[in-house]
Amino acid sequence: MAPVDIYTSTSLVPVLTVIAHVVAVVWLTTLVGRTASRSYLTLPPSSDTRHREPLRKRHVRIFSYLALLSLAAGAFYSYKFGSLSYRIWADERGIDLPSSFFGDSVAFRDGEHPGRLHPVRWLNDTTLYQEVLEIVTGKSRYFWWGQQITLSTVSWSNFVAIEGQRRKITYLWAFMGLAQLVNLSYAQNLFFVTLILTPVPLPANIRDLTRESVPITSSKLSQLKSKILLTKPEGWMPKPFINITILLATYVSIFLVPFASNTPSFMTVITISKLLPFTPLMLPYLIPKSWGSVGSARQNYPSYATAFRAISAISILLHMKSSTLALFYNTPSENYYSHTLLHPFNTEHRSALKRGSTAIASIFGAVGEHPAVDAVGWDVLLTGLSLGAWAGIRGLDANNLLSLSFPFMPLPNAIVKAAAIASNTIKVEVQKPKSPLKRRPGRPKKDADNASTVPPTPGRGRGRPKKYPFPEEAAYEPSDSSSVVEGDGDAEEDMEMAAFAWGLITVGGLGAGSAGVYGAEVLAR
């Protein structure tokens, strides 16, 4: 009988998938950097004042550091999970681990020797990406952290679609791709930097204006894209039923994720929940113009507020469900046995306060139990930190934050009034001037002279004419429509709003808190 080969044939597809993941992160980050560079090069003169320039530099520095911290956290915990997965795989197969990277037992030395790494075999035998997702969704206290990132991604995708299209920022899909490939906090901080560098909508010829500093790489591809994809006018917004349908489909997929864990349909449900947040970014290029309406930013205030309040409401319901399940499955029993020398089976009683504190400690202590959960947990914390910093730096309105984070609160009257003022546009009818009478040849008749439209100049006969006093002109007061300026104002920093936003995130979860911050930013202009 022929010997059985224990080394089965391996495929390079898993290795190429990991390499493509890293290359995609670098490429998308480069696209985002090009977008931010173009925005910086086309800053209007009003942004170069002695008051705005230091603030802009400081704000860009803050969110750039937060983005680097998020990227470092994502890379560190990815490495920890990969090394843990490899150690488990090697231990199950009796493969020696490398003791060091230098010497006889190095990891990447040629030939078969103890301690040599086998990345191709390891990636062929393990489903790395599926393992990460199944670990996060496998336990209720793990999923409590993972669902918050998913809910916040939904509100963030709508925010990117609204603000990105209003400011005409390119490569919006690159930000969403980084949120899925790295983490949400990294992509969110990069988008905040881009918003700071884009206080007003970018000009249509931005590629030509920045050609020398940021060369155009693929003009033919841009021309082909402009021919294939549908374009929409400025201020276009899909009809409400389209947004509601997409939101419901997204939240249904999120709701089904824990139920599909450890089933054959798990990756299908996960893939759908990851792809649906891209839909708000792609809608303007996929659906016809008749499926939406065109209006100014303030005319769309009620639609924006309704969308973010709906996101907040559903996020609160899903967060309450996950919190209830996490508390239920991690609350210890009321009675337990303590073993002592005199009473080996002594029954002890736990109070409700102690049981609840134990369950809460178990939920928060999930961060630190596994690298996959650590990555998600730190992503939640860094995303919330960035949201609070953004609310404080922009000085967002507290009423807007509260009403958009908790939909049972009434909508501020200022939003409704601003939308009503923008809708009541004054139509001025301009009368066409009458065509002058054609002069006939010959001497005009007397009745024609009397029919002249020019009235005679009044006078008193001889002498100087009498002077009449002119009434004083009233002070100029700009109308409501002229006071509407498209762009960011000079909002002062308010760190109390940062603390307020962190409180909303703590109470309602990251999904509802992010909807409040994003919605308040959209309604702040």
Protein backbone atom coordinates (compact mmCIF):
# COMPACT_ATOMS: atom_id res chain seq x y z
CA MET A 1 0.00 0.00 0.00
CA ALA A 2 1.36 3.39 -0.99
CA PRO A 3 2.06 5.86 1.82
CA VAL A 4 -0.46 8.59 2.38
CA ASP A 5 0.83 12.11 1.85
CA ILE A 6 -0.01 14.14 4.92
CA TYR A 7 0.71 17.37 3.06
CA THR A 8 -2.31 18.00 0.92
CA SER A 9 -2.24 20.32 -2.06
CA THR A 10 -2.47 23.96 -1.08
CA SER A 11 -3.96 26.93 -2.88
CA LEU A 12 -2.55 30.43 -3.11
CA VAL A 13 -5.98 32.06 -3.07
CA PRO A 14 -6.12 32.60 0.73
CA VAL A 15 -2.64 34.15 0.73
CA LEU A 16 -3.50 36.38 -2.21
CA THR A 17 -6.70 37.41 -0.41
CA VAL A 18 -4.72 38.64 2.61
CA ILE A 19 -2.23 40.43 0.36
CA ALA A 20 -5.08 42.04 -1.58
CA HIS A 21 -6.59 43.19 1.72
CA VAL A 22 -3.39 45.02 2.69
CA VAL A 23 -2.91 46.48 -0.79
CA ALA A 24 -6.53 47.68 -0.86
CA VAL A 25 -6.08 49.48 2.47
CA VAL A 26 -2.97 51.27 1.17
CA TRP A 27 -4.67 52.15 -2.12
CA LEU A 28 -7.86 53.46 -0.52
CA THR A 29 -5.86 55.51 1.97
CA THR A 30 -3.96 57.02 -0.96
CA LEU A 31 -7.22 57.96 -2.69
CA VAL A 32 -8.50 59.57 0.50
CA GLY A 33 -5.22 61.46 0.85
CA ARG A 34 -5.51 62.76 -2.72
CA THR A 35 -9.04 63.93 -1.99
CA ALA A 36 -7.93 65.79 1.13
CA SER A 37 -4.99 67.34 -0.75
CA ARG A 38 -7.26 68.66 -3.48
CA SER A 39 -9.58 70.15 -0.90
CA TYR A 40 -6.65 71.86 0.83
CA LEU A 41 -5.31 73.31 -2.43
CA THR A 42 -8.69 74.83 -3.33
CA LEU A 43 -9.48 76.42 0.02
CA PRO A 44 -11.27 79.77 -0.49
CA PRO A 45 -9.52 83.00 0.57
CA SER A 46 -12.00 83.39 3.43
CA SER A 47 -10.46 80.30 5.08
CA ASP A 48 -6.95 81.79 5.22
CA THR A 49 -7.72 84.38 7.87
CA ARG A 50 -5.66 84.67 11.04
CA HIS A 51 -8.59 83.31 13.01
CA ARG A 52 -9.50 80.30 10.87
CA GLU A 53 -6.10 79.02 9.77
CA PRO A 54 -4.72 78.12 13.25
CA LEU A 55 -8.03 76.49 14.19
CA ARG A 56 -8.07 74.46 10.98
CA LYS A 57 -4.51 73.24 11.51
CA ARG A 58 -5.21 72.27 15.10
CA HIS A 59 -8.41 70.42 14.21
CA VAL A 60 -6.72 68.58 11.34
CA ARG A 61 -3.92 67.58 13.70
CA ILE A 62 -6.36 66.24 16.30
CA PHE A 63 -8.27 63.98 13.92
CA SER A 64 -5.11 62.92 12.10
CA TYR A 65 -3.65 61.65 15.38
CA LEU A 66 -6.92 59.87 16.15
CA ALA A 67 -6.84 58.26 12.69
CA LEU A 68 -3.27 57.04 13.26
CA LEU A 69 -4.26 55.68 16.66
CA SER A 70 -7.21 53.83 15.11
CA LEU A 71 -5.01 52.40 12.36
CA ALA A 72 -2.41 51.28 14.90
CA ALA A 73 -5.08 49.63 17.06
CA GLY A 74 -6.55 47.81 14.07
CA ALA A 75 -3.15 46.58 12.88
CA PHE A 76 -2.05 45.52 16.38
CA TYR A 77 -5.13 43.44 17.14
CA SER A 78 -5.14 41.95 13.65
CA TYR A 79 -1.58 40.77 14.28
CA LYS A 80 -2.55 39.40 17.71
CA PHE A 81 -5.49 37.48 16.28
CA GLY A 82 -3.39 36.12 13.42
CA SER A 83 -0.62 34.96 15.76
CA LEU A 84 -3.15 33.35 18.12
CA SER A 85 -4.84 31.56 15.24
CA TYR A 86 -1.47 30.29 13.96
CA ARG A 87 -0.41 29.04 17.41
CA ILE A 88 -3.67 27.10 17.79
CA TRP A 89 -3.29 25.64 14.28
CA ALA A 90 0.34 24.64 14.87
CA ASP A 91 -0.44 23.10 18.27
CA GLU A 92 -3.21 20.95 16.78
CA ARG A 93 -0.82 19.60 14.12
CA GLY A 94 2.29 19.27 16.27
CA ILE A 95 4.25 21.92 14.39
CA ASP A 96 7.01 23.69 16.28
CA LEU A 97 6.78 27.44 16.62
CA PRO A 98 9.76 29.63 15.71
CA SER A 99 11.80 30.63 18.73
CA SER A 100 13.18 33.76 17.09
CA PHE A 101 13.65 35.42 13.75
CA PHE A 102 17.44 34.99 13.84
CA GLY A 103 19.60 31.89 14.27
CA ASP A 104 19.11 28.27 13.25
CA SER A 105 15.41 28.07 14.15
CA VAL A 106 14.26 31.15 12.27
CA ALA A 107 10.81 31.56 10.85
CA PHE A 108 11.62 32.23 7.20
CA ARG A 109 14.66 30.03 6.59
CA ASP A 110 14.68 27.87 3.47
CA GLY A 111 14.08 24.16 3.78
CA GLU A 112 12.22 22.04 6.30
CA HIS A 113 13.39 22.68 9.83
CA PRO A 114 11.79 23.04 13.27
CA GLY A 115 10.29 26.47 13.77
CA ARG A 116 9.67 27.25 10.11
CA LEU A 117 6.48 29.22 9.42
CA HIS A 118 3.85 27.71 7.13
CA PRO A 119 1.56 30.64 6.24
CA VAL A 120 0.17 29.03 3.08
CA ARG A 121 -0.87 25.83 4.85
CA TRP A 122 -2.25 27.78 7.80
CA LEU A 123 -4.43 30.04 5.65
CA ASN A 124 -5.65 27.04 3.64
CA ASP A 125 -6.71 25.16 6.76
CA THR A 126 -8.40 28.09 8.52
CA THR A 127 -11.14 30.47 7.44
CA LEU A 128 -9.56 33.52 9.03
CA TYR A 129 -12.19 36.15 8.24
CA GLN A 130 -15.09 33.89 9.11
CA GLU A 131 -13.48 32.98 12.43
CA VAL A 132 -13.23 36.65 13.42
CA LEU A 133 -16.89 37.30 12.67
CA GLU A 134 -18.11 34.11 14.36
CA ILE A 135 -16.18 34.91 17.52
CA VAL A 136 -17.68 38.41 17.74
CA THR A 137 -21.21 37.12 17.14
CA GLY A 138 -20.84 33.88 19.11
CA LYS A 139 -21.52 35.27 22.59
CA SER A 140 -24.01 37.88 23.69
CA ARG A 141 -21.45 40.00 25.51
CA TYR A 142 -19.18 39.96 22.43
CA PHE A 143 -22.01 40.83 20.09
CA TRP A 144 -22.97 43.75 22.36
CA TRP A 145 -19.77 45.45 21.20
CA GLY A 146 -19.88 44.30 17.59
CA GLN A 147 -23.44 45.43 16.94
CA GLN A 148 -22.67 48.98 18.07
CA ILE A 149 -20.08 49.36 15.32
CA THR A 150 -22.50 47.96 12.74
CA LEU A 151 -25.29 50.34 13.80
CA SER A 152 -22.96 53.32 13.77
CA THR A 153 -21.76 52.38 10.28
CA VAL A 154 -25.34 52.72 8.98
CA SER A 155 -25.72 56.28 10.28
CA TRP A 156 -22.21 57.15 9.13
CA SER A 157 -22.89 55.97 5.56
CA ASN A 158 -25.90 58.29 5.34
CA PHE A 159 -23.83 61.15 6.74
CA VAL A 160 -21.06 60.55 4.19
CA ALA A 161 -23.62 60.45 1.37
CA ILE A 162 -25.27 63.75 2.40
CA GLU A 163 -22.17 65.78 3.27
CA GLY A 164 -19.97 64.26 0.58
CA GLN A 165 -22.41 65.02 -2.22
CA ARG A 166 -23.16 68.50 -0.86
CA ARG A 167 -19.47 69.41 -0.72
CA LYS A 168 -18.74 67.49 -3.96
CA ILE A 169 -16.09 65.30 -2.34
CA THR A 170 -14.77 62.57 -4.60
CA TYR A 171 -14.10 58.90 -3.79
CA LEU A 172 -16.76 58.65 -1.10
CA TRP A 173 -16.80 54.88 -1.55
CA ALA A 174 -13.13 54.81 -0.47
CA PHE A 175 -14.08 56.03 3.01
CA MET A 176 -16.71 53.31 3.32
CA GLY A 177 -14.24 50.72 2.06
CA LEU A 178 -11.74 51.69 4.76
CA ALA A 179 -14.47 51.38 7.37
CA GLN A 180 -15.03 47.77 6.30
CA LEU A 181 -11.40 46.79 5.74
CA VAL A 182 -9.75 48.55 8.72
CA ASN A 183 -12.23 49.92 11.25
CA LEU A 184 -14.89 52.61 11.48
CA SER A 185 -12.89 55.01 13.63
CA TYR A 186 -10.06 55.17 11.08
CA ALA A 187 -12.36 56.00 8.17
CA GLN A 188 -14.45 58.38 10.28
CA ASN A 189 -11.44 60.44 11.37
CA LEU A 190 -10.15 60.65 7.80
CA PHE A 191 -13.54 61.92 6.67
CA PHE A 192 -13.57 64.49 9.48
CA VAL A 193 -10.19 65.76 8.24
CA THR A 194 -11.58 66.02 4.71
CA LEU A 195 -14.64 67.95 5.94
CA ILE A 196 -12.43 70.43 7.79
CA LEU A 197 -10.45 71.01 4.58
CA THR A 198 -13.67 71.37 2.54
CA PRO A 199 -15.65 74.17 4.22
CA VAL A 200 -17.49 75.02 0.98
CA PRO A 201 -18.46 72.84 -2.01
CA LEU A 202 -15.55 72.10 -4.30
CA PRO A 203 -15.51 73.70 -7.76
CA ALA A 204 -16.47 71.62 -10.77
CA ASN A 205 -13.02 72.02 -12.36
CA ILE A 206 -11.09 70.92 -9.29
CA ARG A 207 -9.07 68.38 -11.29
CA ASP A 208 -7.81 71.11 -13.61
CA LEU A 209 -7.06 73.48 -10.74
CA THR A 210 -4.97 70.90 -8.90
CA ARG A 211 -3.41 69.19 -11.92
CA GLU A 212 0.12 70.35 -11.11
CA SER A 213 0.10 69.31 -7.44
CA VAL A 214 -2.16 66.25 -7.71
CA PRO A 215 -1.73 64.69 -11.18
CA ILE A 216 -4.71 63.02 -12.80
CA THR A 217 -4.02 59.30 -13.06
CA SER A 218 -6.85 58.02 -15.24
CA SER A 219 -8.68 60.64 -17.27
CA LYS A 220 -10.12 58.04 -19.65
CA LEU A 221 -11.60 56.11 -16.75
CA SER A 222 -13.18 59.30 -15.42
CA GLN A 223 -14.70 60.05 -18.83
CA LEU A 224 -16.07 56.52 -19.10
CA LYS A 225 -17.52 56.74 -15.60
CA SER A 226 -19.23 60.05 -16.39
CA LYS A 227 -20.86 58.48 -19.46
CA ILE A 228 -22.08 55.33 -17.73
CA LEU A 229 -23.19 56.62 -14.34
CA LEU A 230 -26.20 58.87 -13.99
CA THR A 231 -25.63 62.39 -12.72
CA LYS A 232 -27.99 64.34 -10.51
CA PRO A 233 -28.36 68.09 -9.99
CA GLU A 234 -27.21 69.78 -6.82
CA GLY A 235 -29.62 69.30 -3.93
CA TRP A 236 -31.14 66.10 -5.34
CA MET A 237 -32.40 63.62 -2.75
CA PRO A 238 -34.11 60.22 -3.20
CA LYS A 239 -37.75 59.88 -2.26
CA PRO A 240 -38.42 58.86 1.35
CA PHE A 241 -39.75 55.39 0.54
CA ILE A 242 -36.44 54.48 -1.14
CA ASN A 243 -34.41 55.45 1.92
CA ILE A 244 -36.85 53.68 4.23
CA THR A 245 -36.67 50.48 2.16
CA ILE A 246 -32.87 50.48 2.25
CA LEU A 247 -32.78 51.17 5.98
CA LEU A 248 -35.24 48.38 6.73
CA ALA A 249 -33.27 45.90 4.62
CA THR A 250 -30.04 46.91 6.36
CA TYR A 251 -31.46 46.57 9.86
CA VAL A 252 -33.12 43.24 9.05
CA SER A 253 -29.74 41.85 7.99
CA ILE A 254 -28.16 43.18 11.21
CA PHE A 255 -30.97 41.62 13.25
CA LEU A 256 -30.40 38.22 11.61
CA VAL A 257 -26.62 38.14 12.15
CA PRO A 258 -26.57 36.49 15.63
CA PHE A 259 -29.22 33.96 14.57
CA ALA A 260 -27.17 32.97 11.51
CA SER A 261 -23.99 32.39 13.52
CA ASN A 262 -22.51 28.89 13.07
CA THR A 263 -24.89 28.15 10.19
CA PRO A 264 -24.20 27.75 6.45
CA SER A 265 -25.94 31.07 5.72
CA PHE A 266 -23.74 33.06 8.12
CA MET A 267 -21.36 34.52 5.53
CA THR A 268 -24.25 35.39 3.21
CA VAL A 269 -26.01 37.40 5.91
CA ILE A 270 -22.75 39.08 6.94
CA THR A 271 -21.92 40.00 3.35
CA ILE A 272 -25.34 41.57 2.83
CA SER A 273 -25.02 43.59 6.04
CA LYS A 274 -21.58 44.80 4.91
CA LEU A 275 -22.65 45.78 1.38
CA LEU A 276 -25.94 47.54 2.14
CA PRO A 277 -24.25 50.58 3.81
CA PHE A 278 -22.70 51.36 0.41
CA THR A 279 -26.18 51.89 -1.06
CA PRO A 280 -26.72 55.54 0.06
CA LEU A 281 -23.47 56.45 -1.69
CA MET A 282 -24.43 54.72 -4.94
CA LEU A 283 -28.09 55.74 -5.21
CA PRO A 284 -27.47 59.05 -7.06
CA TYR A 285 -25.63 57.13 -9.78
CA LEU A 286 -27.99 54.18 -10.13
CA ILE A 287 -31.59 55.41 -9.98
CA PRO A 288 -33.24 57.91 -12.37
CA LYS A 289 -33.76 61.54 -11.49
CA SER A 290 -37.55 61.12 -11.32
CA TRP A 291 -37.15 58.92 -8.23
CA GLY A 292 -36.11 61.92 -6.16
CA SER A 293 -36.63 65.63 -5.70
CA VAL A 294 -34.41 68.69 -5.92
CA GLY A 295 -34.27 71.24 -3.13
CA SER A 296 -31.89 73.42 -1.22
CA ALA A 297 -30.12 72.25 1.91
CA ARG A 298 -32.63 73.95 4.18
CA GLN A 299 -35.59 72.67 2.22
CA ASN A 300 -34.29 69.15 2.88
CA TYR A 301 -33.99 69.74 6.63
CA PRO A 302 -37.18 67.81 7.51
CA SER A 303 -36.11 64.86 5.33
CA TYR A 304 -32.65 64.77 6.89
CA ALA A 305 -34.08 64.99 10.41
CA THR A 306 -36.60 62.22 9.70
CA ALA A 307 -33.88 59.94 8.32
CA PHE A 308 -31.55 60.33 11.29
CA ARG A 309 -34.39 60.07 13.80
CA ALA A 310 -35.48 56.80 12.15
CA ILE A 311 -31.90 55.52 12.31
CA SER A 312 -31.72 56.49 15.97
CA ALA A 313 -35.05 54.82 16.81
CA ILE A 314 -34.15 51.48 15.23
CA SER A 315 -30.65 51.62 16.70
CA ILE A 316 -32.08 52.11 20.19
CA LEU A 317 -34.40 49.13 19.77
CA LEU A 318 -31.61 46.83 18.56
CA HIS A 319 -29.26 48.10 21.27
CA MET A 320 -31.89 47.43 23.94
CA LYS A 321 -32.33 43.89 22.58
CA SER A 322 -28.61 43.12 22.65
CA SER A 323 -28.23 44.71 26.10
CA THR A 324 -31.11 42.67 27.49
CA LEU A 325 -29.71 39.42 26.11
CA ALA A 326 -26.21 40.24 27.31
CA LEU A 327 -27.46 40.98 30.82
CA PHE A 328 -29.67 37.88 30.84
CA TYR A 329 -26.95 35.44 29.78
CA ASN A 330 -24.24 36.98 31.99
CA THR A 331 -26.21 37.46 35.20
CA PRO A 332 -25.20 34.84 37.79
CA SER A 333 -27.76 32.79 39.65
CA GLU A 334 -29.34 34.11 42.80
CA ASN A 335 -28.00 31.32 45.02
CA TYR A 336 -24.56 29.73 45.03
CA TYR A 337 -22.61 27.32 47.22
CA SER A 338 -19.59 28.28 49.28
CA HIS A 339 -17.31 25.53 50.54
CA THR A 340 -15.84 25.97 54.01
CA LEU A 341 -14.39 23.57 56.54
CA LEU A 342 -17.44 23.62 58.84
CA HIS A 343 -20.09 24.02 56.14
CA PRO A 344 -18.98 22.32 52.90
CA PHE A 345 -22.31 23.00 51.16
CA ASN A 346 -23.26 26.37 52.58
CA THR A 347 -25.85 28.20 50.45
CA GLU A 348 -25.17 31.89 49.87
CA HIS A 349 -27.51 34.51 48.44
CA ARG A 350 -26.60 37.24 45.95
CA SER A 351 -28.44 40.53 46.00
CA ALA A 352 -29.94 41.98 42.84
CA LEU A 353 -27.40 44.81 42.87
CA LYS A 354 -24.50 42.38 43.06
CA ARG A 355 -25.90 40.19 40.30
CA GLY A 356 -26.44 43.20 38.04
CA SER A 357 -22.97 44.61 38.69
CA THR A 358 -21.48 41.20 37.92
CA ALA A 359 -23.32 41.06 34.59
CA ILE A 360 -22.24 44.59 33.65
CA ALA A 361 -18.65 43.81 34.60
CA SER A 362 -18.79 40.70 32.41
CA ILE A 363 -20.01 42.73 29.43
CA PHE A 364 -17.38 45.44 29.77
CA GLY A 365 -14.73 42.86 30.62
CA ALA A 366 -15.28 41.17 27.27
CA VAL A 367 -12.73 43.61 25.87
CA GLY A 368 -9.54 41.80 26.79
CA GLU A 369 -10.75 38.22 26.49
CA HIS A 370 -9.96 37.75 22.80
CA PRO A 371 -8.08 39.83 20.18
CA ALA A 372 -11.10 39.87 17.84
CA VAL A 373 -13.29 41.36 20.57
CA ASP A 374 -10.48 43.72 21.58
CA ALA A 375 -10.35 45.13 18.05
CA VAL A 376 -14.11 45.75 17.99
CA GLY A 377 -14.17 47.14 21.52
CA TRP A 378 -11.40 49.64 20.91
CA ASP A 379 -13.07 50.62 17.65
CA VAL A 380 -16.23 51.46 19.61
CA LEU A 381 -14.28 53.51 22.14
CA LEU A 382 -12.24 55.42 19.54
CA THR A 383 -15.31 56.08 17.40
CA GLY A 384 -17.17 57.50 20.39
CA LEU A 385 -14.13 59.58 21.35
CA SER A 386 -13.95 61.07 17.84
CA LEU A 387 -17.68 61.81 17.79
CA GLY A 388 -17.47 63.70 21.06
CA ALA A 389 -14.44 65.64 19.87
CA TRP A 390 -16.26 66.56 16.66
CA ALA A 391 -19.34 67.74 18.56
CA GLY A 392 -17.17 69.93 20.78
CA ILE A 393 -15.02 71.36 18.00
CA ARG A 394 -18.01 72.19 15.81
CA GLY A 395 -20.08 73.53 18.70
CA LEU A 396 -23.17 71.55 17.69
CA ASP A 397 -26.59 72.52 18.99
CA ALA A 398 -27.65 70.63 22.12
CA ASN A 399 -31.33 70.60 21.12
CA ASN A 400 -30.50 69.03 17.77
CA LEU A 401 -28.27 66.44 19.43
CA LEU A 402 -30.97 65.47 21.89
CA SER A 403 -33.90 65.38 19.45
CA LEU A 404 -31.98 63.38 16.84
CA SER A 405 -30.47 60.90 19.31
CA PHE A 406 -33.79 60.19 21.04
CA PRO A 407 -36.69 60.42 18.55
CA PHE A 408 -39.35 60.73 21.25
CA MET A 409 -38.04 64.25 21.91
CA PRO A 410 -39.75 67.01 19.87
CA LEU A 411 -37.93 68.43 16.87
CA PRO A 412 -36.61 71.97 17.49
CA ASN A 413 -38.74 74.74 16.00
CA ALA A 414 -35.67 76.31 14.41
CA ILE A 415 -35.36 73.41 11.97
CA VAL A 416 -39.00 73.58 10.91
CA LYS A 417 -38.85 77.38 10.62
CA ALA A 418 -35.67 77.29 8.51
CA ALA A 419 -37.23 74.79 6.12
CA ALA A 420 -40.39 76.89 5.84
CA ILE A 421 -38.40 80.05 5.08
CA ALA A 422 -36.41 78.24 2.39
CA SER A 423 -39.59 76.87 0.81
CA ASN A 424 -41.37 80.23 0.58
CA THR A 425 -39.45 81.61 -2.35
CA ILE A 426 -40.66 84.92 -3.76
CA LYS A 427 -41.51 84.86 -7.41
CA VAL A 428 -40.96 88.21 -9.05
CA GLU A 429 -42.82 88.67 -12.30
CA VAL A 430 -40.94 90.91 -14.69
CA GLN A 431 -43.15 92.73 -17.17
CA LYS A 432 -41.85 92.92 -20.67
CA PRO A 433 -41.43 96.50 -21.92
CA LYS A 434 -43.82 97.58 -24.61
CA SER A 435 -42.35 97.89 -28.05
CA PRO A 436 -41.95 101.54 -29.10
CA LEU A 437 -44.22 102.97 -31.77
CA LYS A 438 -42.80 102.90 -35.23
CA ARG A 439 -42.25 106.38 -36.63
CA ARG A 440 -43.87 106.95 -39.98
CA PRO A 441 -42.26 109.07 -42.66
CA GLY A 442 -43.30 112.68 -42.81
CA ARG A 443 -44.22 115.27 -40.26
CA PRO A 444 -46.02 113.88 -37.20
CA LYS A 445 -49.57 114.95 -36.54
CA LYS A 446 -50.64 117.02 -33.58
CA ASP A 447 -52.68 114.22 -32.06
CA ALA A 448 -49.63 111.99 -32.29
CA ASP A 449 -47.64 114.56 -30.36
CA ASN A 450 -50.32 114.69 -27.70
CA ALA A 451 -50.33 110.88 -27.47
CA SER A 452 -46.66 110.82 -26.52
CA THR A 453 -45.98 108.74 -23.46
CA VAL A 454 -43.44 111.22 -22.10
CA PRO A 455 -45.20 113.58 -19.67
CA PRO A 456 -44.35 117.26 -19.80
CA THR A 457 -41.80 118.51 -17.37
CA PRO A 458 -43.54 120.41 -14.61
CA GLY A 459 -42.31 123.91 -14.02
CA ARG A 460 -43.23 127.34 -12.76
CA GLY A 461 -42.26 129.21 -15.87
CA ARG A 462 -39.25 131.47 -15.58
CA GLY A 463 -36.71 131.32 -12.81
CA ARG A 464 -34.99 128.54 -10.98
CA PRO A 465 -37.04 125.38 -10.29
CA LYS A 466 -38.15 124.65 -6.77
CA LYS A 467 -36.10 122.07 -4.88
CA TYR A 468 -37.95 119.29 -3.14
CA PRO A 469 -36.32 117.45 -0.20
CA PHE A 470 -35.55 113.75 -0.87
CA PRO A 471 -36.72 111.24 1.77
CA GLU A 472 -33.99 109.46 3.69
CA GLU A 473 -33.27 105.89 2.60
CA ALA A 474 -34.04 103.14 5.08
CA ALA A 475 -31.20 101.02 6.42
CA TYR A 476 -30.47 97.91 4.33
CA GLU A 477 -31.73 94.70 5.90
CA PRO A 478 -30.80 91.48 4.08
CA SER A 479 -33.61 89.07 3.35
CA ASP A 480 -33.76 85.57 4.74
CA SER A 481 -32.74 84.04 1.44
CA SER A 482 -29.64 86.22 1.16
CA SER A 483 -28.48 85.22 4.62
CA VAL A 484 -28.30 81.54 3.63
CA VAL A 485 -24.65 80.80 2.95
CA GLU A 486 -23.62 77.36 1.74
CA GLY A 487 -20.64 76.41 3.82
CA ASP A 488 -19.29 76.14 7.33
CA GLY A 489 -19.66 79.09 9.62
CA ASP A 490 -17.46 80.36 12.42
CA ALA A 491 -18.82 78.05 15.09
CA GLU A 492 -16.91 78.35 18.32
CA GLU A 493 -15.65 75.33 20.21
CA ASP A 494 -17.83 74.10 23.03
CA MET A 495 -16.38 71.26 25.05
CA GLU A 496 -19.64 70.96 26.96
CA MET A 497 -21.15 69.59 23.75
CA ALA A 498 -18.39 66.98 23.67
CA ALA A 499 -19.33 65.80 27.15
CA PHE A 500 -23.00 65.92 26.19
CA ALA A 501 -22.38 63.76 23.10
CA TRP A 502 -20.42 61.22 25.15
CA GLY A 503 -23.30 61.05 27.59
CA LEU A 504 -25.78 60.39 24.77
CA ILE A 505 -23.55 57.64 23.40
CA THR A 506 -23.27 56.06 26.84
CA VAL A 507 -27.03 56.07 27.41
CA GLY A 508 -28.36 55.24 23.95
CA GLY A 509 -25.47 53.34 22.44
CA LEU A 510 -23.07 54.25 19.67
CA GLY A 511 -25.72 53.87 16.95
CA ALA A 512 -28.14 56.42 18.40
CA GLY A 513 -25.39 58.75 19.60
CA SER A 514 -23.69 58.81 16.21
CA ALA A 515 -27.02 59.50 14.50
CA GLY A 516 -27.46 62.51 16.79
CA VAL A 517 -23.99 63.90 16.09
CA TYR A 518 -24.13 63.31 12.34
CA GLY A 519 -27.65 64.70 12.06
CA ALA A 520 -26.79 67.78 14.12
CA GLU A 521 -23.82 68.43 11.84
CA VAL A 522 -26.01 68.15 8.74
CA LEU A 523 -28.56 70.59 10.20
CA ALA A 524 -25.92 73.02 11.50
CA ARG A 525 -25.36 74.90 8.24
